[in-house]
Amino acid sequence: MRSSRTALAVALLGMALSGCGGTDIGPGEADGPAQIVDGWTSCAKDAPRAGETFAVPNTQTPAPAVKEPAIGRIDPAFTPVAAVICGREIRPGPNGGQEQIATERRAEQIAPLLSALRLPSEQTGGEVACTLDMVIPPWLALLDDRGRWLRPHIPTDSCGKPRAEVIDALAGPQWTTVDTRTIRQIESAAAETAGCAQQWTDMVWVETRNGSARPGSGLPPAAGPLRLCVYQVPASLQEGDKPAGDFVYGGPLPAERQAGVLRALSNRRAVADCDIPATRFAVLRPLDGAGPDRYVELDGCRRFLVAPTTGGAQLGQGDDALAALLGPV
């Protein structure tokens, strides 16, 4: 029973790798009482950035700027009657792929949660063994019977994470989802079908800009079949340090085309002195995950890059014929 309750609480809290994401918690106590705000409306209006941990290049629409109320202790004069959690999730899209949604959940049986929120934070440090994962607390608001609301401080344990009592209390109430709205597409149905990521960085541009790629001397063909993924770089990102492209088309590369592609990638042609950013590029990856990744500029300088699993990336010069072989599959 405890494991299922903990799993629910972790889902509400959110997890991230150490060093990633943001948090409302920290060592020590809250400095003062939480700011009380009149007139709760909704997560969409009062917390448009809540749970914004799934940043997606090129497609992210900035949420409206809303001044966040100060987080702090629950004022004794404030009597909460409900709790609201604003968050974001990734779920399958209605036509395939994945989408990010914003959620608003509400609970009214919150006595255990209030008791947990009023506990002090434990001192950090000492000889306590802490795990490297970072628990991201929810965007939590408490509402009173007048519609006023505040953001409570979430007490932490000796590792700087929400106290176990808070985690258990979050799993206790019956949370009702009162609103969901689609924020953005994370992965299109076409990218999912092709087996490609929705976005990818133009590594030819990155490696040539930082000078880490060196001209190669011809590489042996791959042993296994390759997957082709082609990306379009928005004009606003083409000259950035790490231009990211959006998926256009892809899928397993037909064997007859692959043979021609590998011959083109093994040429010893001199690399052109060119700095025209590509608007489209191709990524070729082994279906079995074994072997080097290959990147090809489909316009611009027409260069290609072979990135072995070990050793430095090798740069080569492509041409129109290679780009034609990497057309829609």
Protein backbone atom coordinates (compact mmCIF):
# COMPACT_ATOMS: atom_id res chain seq x y z
CA MET A 1 0.00 0.00 0.00
CA ARG A 2 2.78 2.41 0.90
CA SER A 3 4.57 1.76 -2.41
CA SER A 4 1.46 2.64 -4.45
CA ARG A 5 0.88 5.79 -2.37
CA THR A 6 4.50 6.80 -2.79
CA ALA A 7 4.30 6.22 -6.55
CA LEU A 8 1.30 8.53 -6.75
CA ALA A 9 3.05 11.21 -4.74
CA VAL A 10 6.17 10.95 -6.89
CA ALA A 11 3.99 11.39 -9.98
CA LEU A 12 2.56 14.57 -8.45
CA LEU A 13 5.97 15.80 -7.33
CA GLY A 14 7.94 14.98 -10.47
CA MET A 15 11.46 13.58 -10.76
CA ALA A 16 14.54 14.94 -12.53
CA LEU A 17 18.19 14.02 -12.80
CA SER A 18 20.51 15.82 -10.46
CA GLY A 19 21.29 19.27 -11.76
CA CYS A 20 18.23 19.51 -14.01
CA GLY A 21 15.04 21.44 -13.64
CA GLY A 22 14.02 23.99 -11.06
CA THR A 23 12.76 23.74 -7.51
CA ASP A 24 10.88 25.77 -4.94
CA ILE A 25 12.59 24.13 -2.00
CA GLY A 26 15.89 24.69 -0.31
CA PRO A 27 17.70 24.26 2.99
CA GLY A 28 16.36 25.86 6.14
CA GLU A 29 13.01 27.38 6.96
CA ALA A 30 10.82 29.72 4.93
CA ASP A 31 11.82 33.32 5.66
CA GLY A 32 8.31 34.52 6.39
CA PRO A 33 4.61 33.94 5.82
CA ALA A 34 3.38 33.15 2.33
CA GLN A 35 1.85 35.99 0.39
CA ILE A 36 -1.95 35.75 0.33
CA VAL A 37 -3.48 36.49 -3.07
CA ASP A 38 -7.11 37.41 -3.67
CA GLY A 39 -9.24 35.54 -6.18
CA TRP A 40 -7.92 32.20 -7.40
CA THR A 41 -8.88 31.77 -11.07
CA SER A 42 -7.11 28.76 -12.59
CA CYS A 43 -3.71 27.27 -13.24
CA ALA A 44 -3.86 28.64 -16.78
CA LYS A 45 -4.07 32.22 -15.49
CA ASP A 46 -2.38 32.13 -12.08
CA ALA A 47 0.39 29.60 -12.84
CA PRO A 48 0.96 29.51 -16.63
CA ARG A 49 4.57 28.34 -16.21
CA ALA A 50 3.90 25.67 -13.59
CA GLY A 51 5.71 22.41 -14.31
CA GLU A 52 7.63 23.90 -17.22
CA THR A 53 10.40 21.28 -17.25
CA PHE A 54 9.85 19.82 -20.73
CA ALA A 55 11.41 22.58 -22.81
CA VAL A 56 11.31 21.74 -26.51
CA PRO A 57 13.50 23.74 -28.92
CA ASN A 58 11.85 25.65 -31.77
CA THR A 59 8.25 24.87 -30.76
CA GLN A 60 8.03 26.39 -27.31
CA THR A 61 5.63 29.31 -27.00
CA PRO A 62 6.58 31.43 -23.99
CA ALA A 63 3.91 31.50 -21.31
CA PRO A 64 2.62 34.91 -20.24
CA ALA A 65 4.72 36.57 -17.57
CA VAL A 66 2.95 36.33 -14.22
CA LYS A 67 4.49 37.58 -11.00
CA GLU A 68 4.73 34.66 -8.58
CA PRO A 69 3.54 35.29 -5.00
CA ALA A 70 6.13 34.79 -2.28
CA ILE A 71 6.30 31.24 -0.94
CA GLY A 72 6.36 30.88 2.82
CA ARG A 73 4.75 29.65 6.02
CA ILE A 74 0.99 29.25 6.23
CA ASP A 75 -0.38 32.25 8.12
CA PRO A 76 -2.40 31.11 11.18
CA ALA A 77 -5.14 33.53 10.10
CA PHE A 78 -5.44 31.73 6.75
CA THR A 79 -7.66 28.60 6.87
CA PRO A 80 -7.11 26.37 3.81
CA VAL A 81 -10.09 24.35 2.60
CA ALA A 82 -8.64 23.02 -0.66
CA ALA A 83 -5.34 22.40 -2.42
CA VAL A 84 -4.54 22.80 -6.10
CA ILE A 85 -1.60 21.31 -7.99
CA CYS A 86 -0.66 22.80 -11.36
CA GLY A 87 1.63 20.69 -13.51
CA ARG A 88 2.55 19.39 -16.93
CA GLU A 89 2.63 15.89 -18.37
CA ILE A 90 3.53 14.16 -21.60
CA ARG A 91 0.91 11.80 -23.03
CA PRO A 92 0.17 10.07 -26.36
CA GLY A 93 -1.35 12.42 -28.91
CA PRO A 94 -4.85 11.74 -30.25
CA ASN A 95 -3.44 10.88 -33.69
CA GLY A 96 -0.15 9.34 -32.56
CA GLY A 97 3.08 10.84 -31.35
CA GLN A 98 3.26 12.65 -28.01
CA GLU A 99 2.01 15.96 -26.69
CA GLN A 100 2.59 18.02 -23.58
CA ILE A 101 -0.45 19.01 -21.56
CA ALA A 102 -0.97 21.31 -18.60
CA THR A 103 -3.07 19.92 -15.76
CA GLU A 104 -4.97 21.35 -12.82
CA ARG A 105 -5.85 19.00 -9.94
CA ARG A 106 -7.83 19.84 -6.82
CA ALA A 107 -8.35 18.13 -3.45
CA GLU A 108 -10.46 19.12 -0.44
CA GLN A 109 -9.65 16.44 2.16
CA ILE A 110 -6.31 18.03 3.03
CA ALA A 111 -5.89 17.88 6.83
CA PRO A 112 -2.90 15.44 6.69
CA LEU A 113 -1.30 17.57 3.96
CA LEU A 114 -1.63 20.72 6.07
CA SER A 115 -0.06 18.96 9.05
CA ALA A 116 2.87 17.84 6.90
CA LEU A 117 3.35 21.32 5.42
CA ARG A 118 3.58 22.82 8.91
CA LEU A 119 6.51 20.58 9.88
CA PRO A 120 9.97 22.18 10.09
CA SER A 121 12.65 21.45 7.53
CA GLU A 122 15.46 19.20 8.73
CA GLN A 123 19.04 20.42 8.76
CA THR A 124 21.04 19.44 5.68
CA GLY A 125 24.54 18.01 5.63
CA GLY A 126 26.15 15.71 8.14
CA GLU A 127 26.75 12.04 7.42
CA VAL A 128 23.39 11.29 5.83
CA ALA A 129 23.66 9.30 2.59
CA CYS A 130 21.61 11.04 -0.10
CA THR A 131 20.65 9.78 -3.55
CA LEU A 132 21.61 11.83 -6.62
CA ASP A 133 18.09 12.17 -8.01
CA MET A 134 16.35 15.48 -7.44
CA VAL A 135 12.68 15.57 -6.55
CA ILE A 136 10.94 18.58 -8.04
CA PRO A 137 8.10 19.71 -5.79
CA PRO A 138 4.75 20.52 -7.35
CA TRP A 139 3.36 23.97 -8.01
CA LEU A 140 1.07 23.80 -4.98
CA ALA A 141 -1.50 26.36 -3.87
CA LEU A 142 -3.80 26.35 -0.83
CA LEU A 143 -7.21 28.03 -1.09
CA ASP A 144 -9.51 29.30 1.66
CA ASP A 145 -13.31 29.58 1.62
CA ARG A 146 -13.07 33.19 0.35
CA GLY A 147 -11.20 32.15 -2.78
CA ARG A 148 -7.90 33.56 -1.55
CA TRP A 149 -4.77 31.49 -2.08
CA LEU A 150 -1.11 31.15 -1.17
CA ARG A 151 1.98 29.12 -2.07
CA PRO A 152 3.12 27.13 1.00
CA HIS A 153 6.75 26.38 1.77
CA ILE A 154 7.39 22.62 1.40
CA PRO A 155 9.50 21.35 4.33
CA THR A 156 12.54 19.34 3.34
CA ASP A 157 14.53 16.47 4.79
CA SER A 158 18.26 16.34 5.50
CA CYS A 159 18.93 15.77 1.79
CA GLY A 160 17.01 18.88 0.74
CA LYS A 161 14.09 16.87 -0.67
CA PRO A 162 10.44 17.03 0.42
CA ARG A 163 9.96 15.32 3.77
CA ALA A 164 8.50 11.81 3.67
CA GLU A 165 5.45 13.10 5.53
CA VAL A 166 4.75 15.49 2.65
CA ILE A 167 5.17 12.75 0.06
CA ASP A 168 2.76 10.50 1.97
CA ALA A 169 0.29 13.34 2.48
CA LEU A 170 0.27 14.22 -1.21
CA ALA A 171 -0.77 10.65 -1.96
CA GLY A 172 -3.61 10.83 0.56
CA PRO A 173 -6.25 13.19 -0.88
CA GLN A 174 -8.49 12.26 -3.76
CA TRP A 175 -7.13 14.57 -6.45
CA THR A 176 -9.68 15.50 -9.08
CA THR A 177 -8.48 16.71 -12.48
CA VAL A 178 -10.47 19.87 -13.15
CA ASP A 179 -8.71 21.05 -16.32
CA THR A 180 -6.27 19.90 -18.99
CA ARG A 181 -5.03 21.83 -21.99
CA THR A 182 -2.57 21.02 -24.74
CA ILE A 183 0.64 23.05 -24.60
CA ARG A 184 2.64 21.75 -27.53
CA GLN A 185 3.47 18.73 -29.62
CA ILE A 186 6.49 16.84 -28.33
CA GLU A 187 6.67 14.19 -31.04
CA SER A 188 4.62 14.03 -34.22
CA ALA A 189 2.93 10.85 -35.40
CA ALA A 190 5.18 10.93 -38.48
CA ALA A 191 8.37 11.05 -36.37
CA GLU A 192 7.08 8.25 -34.16
CA THR A 193 6.30 6.07 -37.20
CA ALA A 194 9.71 6.78 -38.73
CA GLY A 195 11.50 5.97 -35.46
CA CYS A 196 13.08 9.44 -35.40
CA ALA A 197 13.32 12.08 -32.71
CA GLN A 198 11.17 15.13 -33.29
CA GLN A 199 14.19 17.45 -33.04
CA TRP A 200 17.90 17.05 -33.60
CA THR A 201 20.95 19.30 -33.58
CA ASP A 202 22.92 19.94 -36.79
CA MET A 203 26.15 18.33 -35.65
CA VAL A 204 28.02 19.19 -38.88
CA TRP A 205 27.59 22.87 -38.02
CA VAL A 206 28.44 22.34 -34.35
CA GLU A 207 31.60 20.31 -34.99
CA THR A 208 32.92 22.56 -37.73
CA ARG A 209 32.26 25.72 -35.73
CA ASN A 210 34.15 24.46 -32.69
CA GLY A 211 36.97 23.01 -34.80
CA SER A 212 36.81 19.51 -33.35
CA ALA A 213 36.11 17.70 -36.64
CA ARG A 214 38.98 16.77 -38.94
CA PRO A 215 38.89 15.70 -42.60
CA GLY A 216 38.66 11.92 -42.91
CA SER A 217 40.51 9.63 -45.27
CA GLY A 218 37.60 7.48 -46.36
CA LEU A 219 35.65 5.19 -44.07
CA PRO A 220 34.57 1.55 -44.51
CA PRO A 221 30.85 0.97 -45.11
CA ALA A 222 28.59 0.06 -42.18
CA ALA A 223 27.72 -3.57 -41.62
CA GLY A 224 24.08 -3.04 -40.68
CA PRO A 225 21.06 -1.17 -42.05
CA LEU A 226 20.61 2.53 -41.34
CA ARG A 227 17.68 4.74 -40.39
CA LEU A 228 17.32 8.08 -42.15
CA CYS A 229 15.93 11.11 -40.31
CA VAL A 230 15.79 14.51 -42.04
CA TYR A 231 15.36 17.83 -40.24
CA GLN A 232 14.50 21.40 -41.26
CA VAL A 233 16.25 24.21 -39.39
CA PRO A 234 14.14 27.35 -38.79
CA ALA A 235 15.73 30.47 -40.27
CA SER A 236 16.00 32.04 -36.82
CA LEU A 237 18.30 29.23 -35.63
CA GLN A 238 20.45 28.58 -38.68
CA GLU A 239 23.47 30.58 -37.52
CA GLY A 240 23.28 29.76 -33.83
CA ASP A 241 25.84 27.71 -31.93
CA LYS A 242 23.63 24.60 -31.89
CA PRO A 243 20.98 24.92 -34.60
CA ALA A 244 18.18 22.43 -33.95
CA GLY A 245 15.99 21.11 -36.73
CA ASP A 246 12.41 19.82 -36.77
CA PHE A 247 11.58 16.41 -38.21
CA VAL A 248 10.52 16.40 -41.88
CA TYR A 249 10.67 12.78 -43.03
CA GLY A 250 12.50 9.53 -42.40
CA GLY A 251 12.47 5.79 -41.92
CA PRO A 252 14.70 2.78 -42.61
CA LEU A 253 16.96 3.52 -45.58
CA PRO A 254 16.35 1.10 -48.51
CA ALA A 255 19.30 -1.23 -49.06
CA GLU A 256 19.98 -0.11 -52.65
CA ARG A 257 20.07 3.52 -51.60
CA GLN A 258 22.20 2.75 -48.55
CA ALA A 259 24.91 1.22 -50.71
CA GLY A 260 25.14 4.42 -52.76
CA VAL A 261 25.11 6.60 -49.65
CA LEU A 262 27.95 4.67 -48.04
CA ARG A 263 30.04 4.90 -51.22
CA ALA A 264 29.51 8.67 -51.26
CA LEU A 265 30.48 8.93 -47.59
CA SER A 266 33.75 7.08 -48.27
CA ASN A 267 35.04 9.56 -50.86
CA ARG A 268 38.32 11.45 -50.39
CA ARG A 269 37.11 14.76 -51.84
CA ALA A 270 38.58 17.89 -50.24
CA VAL A 271 36.24 19.65 -47.85
CA ALA A 272 35.06 22.99 -49.24
CA ASP A 273 35.99 26.20 -47.45
CA CYS A 274 32.43 27.21 -46.74
CA ASP A 275 30.36 28.63 -43.88
CA ILE A 276 26.82 28.65 -45.30
CA PRO A 277 24.45 27.14 -42.71
CA ALA A 278 22.27 24.29 -43.93
CA THR A 279 18.51 24.67 -43.91
CA ARG A 280 18.10 20.88 -44.02
CA PHE A 281 20.29 18.06 -42.78
CA ALA A 282 20.08 14.28 -42.55
CA VAL A 283 20.95 11.99 -39.67
CA LEU A 284 21.83 8.37 -40.42
CA ARG A 285 21.87 6.00 -37.46
CA PRO A 286 22.35 2.21 -37.32
CA LEU A 287 19.07 0.40 -36.67
CA ASP A 288 20.81 -1.84 -34.13
CA GLY A 289 22.54 1.08 -32.41
CA ALA A 290 26.02 -0.26 -33.24
CA GLY A 291 28.40 1.87 -35.27
CA PRO A 292 28.92 5.54 -36.03
CA ASP A 293 26.25 8.17 -36.57
CA ARG A 294 26.43 10.09 -39.85
CA TYR A 295 25.26 13.65 -40.50
CA VAL A 296 24.83 15.17 -43.97
CA GLU A 297 24.09 18.77 -44.95
CA LEU A 298 21.45 18.56 -47.68
CA ASP A 299 22.11 22.11 -48.86
CA GLY A 300 24.49 24.91 -47.88
CA CYS A 301 28.05 23.56 -47.88
CA ARG A 302 26.97 19.91 -48.52
CA ARG A 303 29.46 18.57 -45.97
CA PHE A 304 29.05 15.38 -43.98
CA LEU A 305 30.29 14.19 -40.61
CA VAL A 306 30.94 10.67 -39.39
CA ALA A 307 30.93 10.39 -35.60
CA PRO A 308 32.35 7.04 -34.38
CA THR A 309 31.42 5.75 -30.94
CA THR A 310 35.07 6.26 -29.98
CA GLY A 311 37.57 8.69 -31.45
CA GLY A 312 37.12 12.04 -33.12
CA ALA A 313 34.50 13.01 -35.68
CA GLN A 314 35.64 12.93 -39.32
CA LEU A 315 34.54 15.54 -41.84
CA GLY A 316 33.93 14.93 -45.54
CA GLN A 317 32.52 16.66 -48.61
CA GLY A 318 29.24 15.59 -50.13
CA ASP A 319 27.46 16.73 -53.29
CA ASP A 320 24.07 16.98 -54.97
CA ALA A 321 24.07 13.26 -55.77
CA LEU A 322 24.44 12.34 -52.09
CA ALA A 323 21.67 14.75 -51.15
CA ALA A 324 19.41 13.16 -53.77
CA LEU A 325 20.00 9.70 -52.29
CA LEU A 326 18.72 11.04 -48.97
CA GLY A 327 15.36 12.15 -50.29
CA PRO A 328 12.04 10.90 -48.82
CA VAL A 329 11.98 7.14 -48.24
